[in-house]
Amino acid sequence: MKNEIEINVSLLGQLKLASIIEAATLALLVGFGALSRFDQWGVDHLMPGASFGEKEPTITDSLVPLLGAHWDTWLGGVANIVTLPASFLI
């Protein structure tokens, strides 16, 4: 019984270490830009209707929630309504 407990604890420790190493590796890859192609693909294909402008927000945009929001698609409308309550916390 004691050997089984030691094996389970040892296995759990190994899994934690593997998870830490994987997270650190992913952070380094993202930090050095090695995954930018995949990020760009995700933006282009998995975020339909997204518009990322270069315009700086004005003070009015910052004070009034959803003032500069896009309502042109149903997905944009749903996203705006769902995120409205959280906008007051920022």
N, C-alpha and C. Protein backbone atom coordinates (compact mmCIF):
# COMPACT_ATOMS: atom_id res chain seq x y z
N MET A 1 0.83 -1.19 0.00
CA MET A 1 0.00 0.00 0.00
C MET A 1 0.87 1.25 0.00
N LYS A 2 1.94 1.24 0.79
CA LYS A 2 2.80 2.40 0.86
C LYS A 2 3.48 2.66 -0.48
N ASN A 3 3.87 1.61 -1.18
CA ASN A 3 4.50 1.77 -2.48
C ASN A 3 3.54 2.39 -3.49
N GLU A 4 2.27 2.02 -3.43
CA GLU A 4 1.28 2.59 -4.34
C GLU A 4 1.13 4.09 -4.10
N ILE A 5 1.12 4.50 -2.84
CA ILE A 5 0.99 5.92 -2.51
C ILE A 5 2.22 6.69 -3.00
N GLU A 6 3.38 6.12 -2.81
CA GLU A 6 4.60 6.77 -3.27
C GLU A 6 4.61 6.90 -4.79
N ILE A 7 4.13 5.88 -5.47
CA ILE A 7 4.08 5.93 -6.93
C ILE A 7 3.09 6.99 -7.39
N ASN A 8 1.93 7.08 -6.76
CA ASN A 8 0.94 8.08 -7.13
C ASN A 8 1.45 9.49 -6.89
N VAL A 9 2.12 9.72 -5.77
CA VAL A 9 2.67 11.03 -5.47
C VAL A 9 3.79 11.36 -6.45
N SER A 10 4.60 10.38 -6.76
CA SER A 10 5.68 10.60 -7.70
C SER A 10 5.13 10.91 -9.09
N LEU A 11 4.09 10.21 -9.51
CA LEU A 11 3.48 10.46 -10.81
C LEU A 11 2.85 11.84 -10.85
N LEU A 12 2.19 12.24 -9.78
CA LEU A 12 1.58 13.57 -9.71
C LEU A 12 2.65 14.65 -9.79
N GLY A 13 3.77 14.46 -9.12
CA GLY A 13 4.87 15.41 -9.19
C GLY A 13 5.44 15.51 -10.59
N GLN A 14 5.54 14.39 -11.27
CA GLN A 14 6.05 14.39 -12.64
C GLN A 14 5.10 15.11 -13.59
N LEU A 15 3.79 14.91 -13.39
CA LEU A 15 2.81 15.58 -14.23
C LEU A 15 2.84 17.09 -14.00
N LYS A 16 3.01 17.52 -12.75
CA LYS A 16 3.11 18.95 -12.45
C LYS A 16 4.35 19.55 -13.12
N LEU A 17 5.46 18.85 -13.02
CA LEU A 17 6.70 19.33 -13.63
C LEU A 17 6.56 19.41 -15.15
N ALA A 18 5.94 18.40 -15.75
CA ALA A 18 5.73 18.42 -17.19
C ALA A 18 4.83 19.58 -17.60
N SER A 19 3.80 19.87 -16.81
CA SER A 19 2.91 20.99 -17.11
C SER A 19 3.64 22.32 -17.02
N ILE A 20 4.49 22.47 -16.03
CA ILE A 20 5.25 23.70 -15.87
C ILE A 20 6.21 23.89 -17.04
N ILE A 21 6.87 22.82 -17.45
CA ILE A 21 7.80 22.90 -18.58
C ILE A 21 7.06 23.24 -19.87
N GLU A 22 5.90 22.63 -20.08
CA GLU A 22 5.12 22.92 -21.28
C GLU A 22 4.65 24.36 -21.31
N ALA A 23 4.18 24.88 -20.18
CA ALA A 23 3.72 26.27 -20.12
C ALA A 23 4.87 27.24 -20.37
N ALA A 24 6.03 26.95 -19.79
CA ALA A 24 7.19 27.81 -20.00
C ALA A 24 7.65 27.77 -21.45
N THR A 25 7.62 26.61 -22.07
CA THR A 25 8.00 26.49 -23.48
C THR A 25 7.04 27.28 -24.36
N LEU A 26 5.76 27.16 -24.11
CA LEU A 26 4.77 27.90 -24.87
C LEU A 26 4.95 29.41 -24.69
N ALA A 27 5.22 29.85 -23.46
CA ALA A 27 5.45 31.27 -23.20
C ALA A 27 6.67 31.78 -23.96
N LEU A 28 7.72 31.00 -24.01
CA LEU A 28 8.92 31.41 -24.75
C LEU A 28 8.65 31.47 -26.25
N LEU A 29 7.94 30.49 -26.78
CA LEU A 29 7.62 30.50 -28.20
C LEU A 29 6.78 31.71 -28.58
N VAL A 30 5.80 32.03 -27.77
CA VAL A 30 4.97 33.20 -28.03
C VAL A 30 5.79 34.48 -27.87
N GLY A 31 6.61 34.53 -26.83
CA GLY A 31 7.43 35.72 -26.58
C GLY A 31 8.41 36.03 -27.69
N PHE A 32 8.98 35.00 -28.29
CA PHE A 32 9.94 35.21 -29.37
C PHE A 32 9.28 35.32 -30.75
N GLY A 33 7.95 35.21 -30.79
CA GLY A 33 7.24 35.39 -32.05
C GLY A 33 7.22 34.18 -32.95
N ALA A 34 7.58 33.03 -32.42
CA ALA A 34 7.62 31.82 -33.24
C ALA A 34 6.23 31.34 -33.63
N LEU A 35 5.20 31.79 -32.94
CA LEU A 35 3.84 31.34 -33.22
C LEU A 35 2.99 32.43 -33.87
N SER A 36 3.60 33.47 -34.39
CA SER A 36 2.83 34.58 -34.93
C SER A 36 2.01 34.17 -36.17
N ARG A 37 2.52 33.22 -36.96
CA ARG A 37 1.74 32.76 -38.12
C ARG A 37 0.43 32.13 -37.67
N PHE A 38 0.49 31.32 -36.60
CA PHE A 38 -0.71 30.68 -36.10
C PHE A 38 -1.66 31.71 -35.49
N ASP A 39 -1.11 32.70 -34.80
CA ASP A 39 -1.95 33.77 -34.24
C ASP A 39 -2.67 34.52 -35.34
N GLN A 40 -1.95 34.86 -36.40
CA GLN A 40 -2.55 35.60 -37.51
C GLN A 40 -3.62 34.76 -38.20
N TRP A 41 -3.37 33.46 -38.35
CA TRP A 41 -4.37 32.58 -38.95
C TRP A 41 -5.63 32.57 -38.09
N GLY A 42 -5.46 32.51 -36.77
CA GLY A 42 -6.60 32.51 -35.88
C GLY A 42 -7.41 33.79 -35.98
N VAL A 43 -6.73 34.93 -36.07
CA VAL A 43 -7.43 36.20 -36.21
C VAL A 43 -8.17 36.25 -37.53
N ASP A 44 -7.55 35.80 -38.59
CA ASP A 44 -8.15 35.86 -39.92
C ASP A 44 -9.33 34.90 -40.09
N HIS A 45 -9.24 33.70 -39.50
CA HIS A 45 -10.23 32.67 -39.78
C HIS A 45 -11.20 32.40 -38.63
N LEU A 46 -10.81 32.63 -37.42
CA LEU A 46 -11.66 32.27 -36.28
C LEU A 46 -12.36 33.46 -35.64
N MET A 47 -12.09 34.66 -36.13
CA MET A 47 -12.72 35.85 -35.58
C MET A 47 -13.44 36.62 -36.68
N PRO A 48 -14.53 36.06 -37.21
CA PRO A 48 -15.22 36.73 -38.31
C PRO A 48 -15.85 38.04 -37.84
N GLY A 49 -15.75 39.02 -38.66
CA GLY A 49 -16.36 40.31 -38.33
C GLY A 49 -15.52 41.17 -37.41
N ALA A 50 -14.37 40.70 -37.01
CA ALA A 50 -13.53 41.50 -36.13
C ALA A 50 -12.89 42.63 -36.92
N SER A 51 -12.89 43.80 -36.33
CA SER A 51 -12.23 44.93 -36.97
C SER A 51 -11.30 45.57 -35.94
N PHE A 52 -10.05 45.59 -36.27
CA PHE A 52 -9.05 46.14 -35.38
C PHE A 52 -8.51 47.41 -36.01
N GLY A 53 -9.01 48.53 -35.55
CA GLY A 53 -8.61 49.80 -36.13
C GLY A 53 -7.37 50.36 -35.47
N GLU A 54 -6.77 51.28 -36.15
CA GLU A 54 -5.58 51.94 -35.64
C GLU A 54 -5.94 53.22 -34.90
N LYS A 55 -7.24 53.54 -34.83
CA LYS A 55 -7.69 54.77 -34.21
C LYS A 55 -7.53 54.71 -32.68
N GLU A 56 -6.97 55.74 -32.12
CA GLU A 56 -6.84 55.83 -30.67
C GLU A 56 -8.20 56.18 -30.06
N PRO A 57 -8.58 55.58 -28.95
CA PRO A 57 -9.87 55.92 -28.34
C PRO A 57 -9.83 57.33 -27.75
N THR A 58 -10.95 58.00 -27.87
CA THR A 58 -11.06 59.34 -27.29
C THR A 58 -11.49 59.20 -25.83
N ILE A 59 -11.51 60.30 -25.13
CA ILE A 59 -11.95 60.28 -23.72
C ILE A 59 -13.42 59.87 -23.66
N THR A 60 -14.22 60.35 -24.60
CA THR A 60 -15.63 59.97 -24.63
C THR A 60 -15.78 58.47 -24.86
N ASP A 61 -14.99 57.91 -25.77
CA ASP A 61 -15.03 56.46 -25.99
C ASP A 61 -14.68 55.69 -24.72
N SER A 62 -13.76 56.24 -23.96
CA SER A 62 -13.33 55.57 -22.74
C SER A 62 -14.38 55.66 -21.63
N LEU A 63 -15.14 56.74 -21.60
CA LEU A 63 -16.12 56.94 -20.52
C LEU A 63 -17.48 56.32 -20.79
N VAL A 64 -17.86 56.22 -22.06
CA VAL A 64 -19.18 55.69 -22.41
C VAL A 64 -19.02 54.28 -22.97
N PRO A 65 -19.52 53.28 -22.25
CA PRO A 65 -19.39 51.90 -22.73
C PRO A 65 -20.14 51.71 -24.05
N LEU A 66 -19.57 50.98 -24.94
CA LEU A 66 -20.15 50.59 -26.22
C LEU A 66 -20.38 51.75 -27.18
N LEU A 67 -19.79 52.91 -26.93
CA LEU A 67 -19.97 54.04 -27.84
C LEU A 67 -19.36 53.74 -29.20
N GLY A 68 -18.18 53.18 -29.23
CA GLY A 68 -17.55 52.87 -30.50
C GLY A 68 -17.72 51.43 -30.92
N ALA A 69 -18.67 50.72 -30.31
CA ALA A 69 -18.86 49.30 -30.60
C ALA A 69 -19.51 49.11 -31.97
N HIS A 70 -19.23 47.98 -32.57
CA HIS A 70 -19.80 47.63 -33.88
C HIS A 70 -21.02 46.75 -33.67
N TRP A 71 -22.13 47.13 -34.26
CA TRP A 71 -23.38 46.39 -34.14
C TRP A 71 -23.82 45.83 -35.49
N ASP A 72 -22.92 45.76 -36.46
CA ASP A 72 -23.31 45.40 -37.81
C ASP A 72 -23.60 43.92 -38.01
N THR A 73 -23.14 43.05 -37.12
CA THR A 73 -23.46 41.63 -37.25
C THR A 73 -24.16 41.15 -35.98
N TRP A 74 -24.86 40.06 -36.07
CA TRP A 74 -25.55 39.53 -34.89
C TRP A 74 -24.54 39.09 -33.84
N LEU A 75 -23.40 38.57 -34.29
CA LEU A 75 -22.37 38.13 -33.35
C LEU A 75 -21.78 39.32 -32.59
N GLY A 76 -21.59 40.43 -33.28
CA GLY A 76 -21.11 41.64 -32.62
C GLY A 76 -22.11 42.16 -31.61
N GLY A 77 -23.39 42.10 -31.95
CA GLY A 77 -24.43 42.55 -31.01
C GLY A 77 -24.47 41.69 -29.76
N VAL A 78 -24.41 40.38 -29.94
CA VAL A 78 -24.41 39.47 -28.79
C VAL A 78 -23.19 39.71 -27.92
N ALA A 79 -22.03 39.87 -28.55
CA ALA A 79 -20.80 40.10 -27.78
C ALA A 79 -20.89 41.41 -27.00
N ASN A 80 -21.46 42.44 -27.59
CA ASN A 80 -21.60 43.72 -26.90
C ASN A 80 -22.54 43.61 -25.70
N ILE A 81 -23.65 42.91 -25.88
CA ILE A 81 -24.62 42.78 -24.78
C ILE A 81 -24.04 41.94 -23.64
N VAL A 82 -23.32 40.88 -23.98
CA VAL A 82 -22.76 40.01 -22.95
C VAL A 82 -21.65 40.73 -22.17
N THR A 83 -20.86 41.53 -22.85
CA THR A 83 -19.73 42.19 -22.17
C THR A 83 -20.11 43.52 -21.52
N LEU A 84 -21.33 44.01 -21.75
CA LEU A 84 -21.72 45.29 -21.17
C LEU A 84 -21.62 45.33 -19.65
N PRO A 85 -22.12 44.33 -18.91
CA PRO A 85 -22.00 44.42 -17.45
C PRO A 85 -20.57 44.47 -16.96
N ALA A 86 -19.66 43.82 -17.64
CA ALA A 86 -18.26 43.82 -17.20
C ALA A 86 -17.57 45.13 -17.54
N SER A 87 -18.12 45.90 -18.47
CA SER A 87 -17.45 47.13 -18.88
C SER A 87 -17.42 48.17 -17.77
N PHE A 88 -18.32 48.07 -16.82
CA PHE A 88 -18.34 49.03 -15.72
C PHE A 88 -17.25 48.74 -14.68
N LEU A 89 -16.71 47.54 -14.72
CA LEU A 89 -15.66 47.18 -13.77
C LEU A 89 -14.29 47.68 -14.18
N ILE A 90 -14.15 48.01 -15.44
CA ILE A 90 -12.81 48.43 -15.95
C ILE A 90 -12.59 49.88 -15.68
